[in-house]
């Protein structure tokens, strides 16, 4: 699997979780956004396969 970074970014009112897959790749990153509050990101996970070519940010 590609290099993976995961953590939280502080924002007003809380924090936002992120996962960066393919952090060691060079190229146009794919930035994903889930459907909103209390909606999971599970359906986006297959996009991790693109991390062989470019960074993928969840």
C-alpha atoms as a PDB file:
ATOM      1  CA  UNK A   1       0.000   0.000   0.000  1.00  0.00           C
ATOM      2  CA  UNK A   2       1.109   3.552  -0.617  1.00  0.00           C
ATOM      3  CA  UNK A   3       2.328   5.864   2.098  1.00  0.00           C
ATOM      4  CA  UNK A   4      -0.631   6.763   4.361  1.00  0.00           C
ATOM      5  CA  UNK A   5      -1.024   9.781   6.648  1.00  0.00           C
ATOM      6  CA  UNK A   6      -4.031  10.201   8.928  1.00  0.00           C
ATOM      7  CA  UNK A   7      -5.039  12.726  11.550  1.00  0.00           C
ATOM      8  CA  UNK A   8      -7.267  15.631  12.507  1.00  0.00           C
ATOM      9  CA  UNK A   9      -7.288  19.271  11.422  1.00  0.00           C
ATOM     10  CA  UNK A  10      -8.575  21.741  14.038  1.00  0.00           C
ATOM     11  CA  UNK A  11     -11.435  23.953  12.815  1.00  0.00           C
ATOM     12  CA  UNK A  12     -13.824  26.317  14.539  1.00  0.00           C
ATOM     13  CA  UNK A  13     -16.155  24.197  16.640  1.00  0.00           C
ATOM     14  CA  UNK A  14     -14.177  20.956  16.506  1.00  0.00           C
ATOM     15  CA  UNK A  15     -11.879  18.967  14.302  1.00  0.00           C
ATOM     16  CA  UNK A  16     -12.002  17.307  10.878  1.00  0.00           C
ATOM     17  CA  UNK A  17     -10.568  13.843  10.280  1.00  0.00           C
ATOM     18  CA  UNK A  18      -8.471  13.242   7.155  1.00  0.00           C
ATOM     19  CA  UNK A  19      -6.684  10.330   5.506  1.00  0.00           C
ATOM     20  CA  UNK A  20      -4.103  10.884   2.776  1.00  0.00           C
ATOM     21  CA  UNK A  21      -3.221   7.779   0.757  1.00  0.00           C
ATOM     22  CA  UNK A  22      -0.287   7.950  -1.616  1.00  0.00           C
ATOM     23  CA  UNK A  23       1.277  10.888   0.187  1.00  0.00           C
ATOM     24  CA  UNK A  24       4.579   9.994  -1.456  1.00  0.00           C
ATOM     25  CA  UNK A  25       3.129  10.281  -4.983  1.00  0.00           C
ATOM     26  CA  UNK A  26       3.548  13.279  -7.256  1.00  0.00           C
ATOM     27  CA  UNK A  27       0.612  14.358  -9.374  1.00  0.00           C
ATOM     28  CA  UNK A  28      -2.785  15.994  -9.238  1.00  0.00           C
ATOM     29  CA  UNK A  29      -4.391  14.848  -5.958  1.00  0.00           C
ATOM     30  CA  UNK A  30      -7.907  13.465  -5.863  1.00  0.00           C
ATOM     31  CA  UNK A  31      -9.820  15.213  -3.059  1.00  0.00           C
ATOM     32  CA  UNK A  32     -12.946  13.357  -1.910  1.00  0.00           C
ATOM     33  CA  UNK A  33     -15.835  14.639   0.202  1.00  0.00           C
ATOM     34  CA  UNK A  34     -18.490  12.466   1.784  1.00  0.00           C
ATOM     35  CA  UNK A  35     -22.210  13.210   1.655  1.00  0.00           C
ATOM     36  CA  UNK A  36     -22.504  15.292   4.831  1.00  0.00           C
ATOM     37  CA  UNK A  37     -22.987  15.029   8.594  1.00  0.00           C
ATOM     38  CA  UNK A  38     -23.490  11.491   9.858  1.00  0.00           C
ATOM     39  CA  UNK A  39     -22.892  10.087   6.369  1.00  0.00           C
ATOM     40  CA  UNK A  40     -19.987   7.648   6.175  1.00  0.00           C
ATOM     41  CA  UNK A  41     -17.114   7.763   3.690  1.00  0.00           C
ATOM     42  CA  UNK A  42     -17.071   3.966   3.182  1.00  0.00           C
ATOM     43  CA  UNK A  43     -18.388   4.144  -0.370  1.00  0.00           C
ATOM     44  CA  UNK A  44     -15.351   6.275  -1.318  1.00  0.00           C
ATOM     45  CA  UNK A  45     -12.763   3.755  -0.065  1.00  0.00           C
ATOM     46  CA  UNK A  46     -12.393   1.957  -3.444  1.00  0.00           C
ATOM     47  CA  UNK A  47     -10.836   5.205  -4.712  1.00  0.00           C
ATOM     48  CA  UNK A  48      -7.745   4.326  -2.626  1.00  0.00           C
ATOM     49  CA  UNK A  49      -6.714   2.134  -5.573  1.00  0.00           C
ATOM     50  CA  UNK A  50      -5.927   5.320  -7.503  1.00  0.00           C
ATOM     51  CA  UNK A  51      -3.167   6.094  -4.983  1.00  0.00           C
ATOM     52  CA  UNK A  52      -0.790   4.087  -7.147  1.00  0.00           C
ATOM     53  CA  UNK A  53      -0.899   7.032  -9.570  1.00  0.00           C
ATOM     54  CA  UNK A  54      -1.721  10.098  -7.451  1.00  0.00           C
ATOM     55  CA  UNK A  55      -2.411  11.171  -3.838  1.00  0.00           C
ATOM     56  CA  UNK A  56      -5.981  10.534  -2.670  1.00  0.00           C
ATOM     57  CA  UNK A  57      -7.322  12.665   0.192  1.00  0.00           C
ATOM     58  CA  UNK A  58     -10.348  11.594   2.219  1.00  0.00           C
END
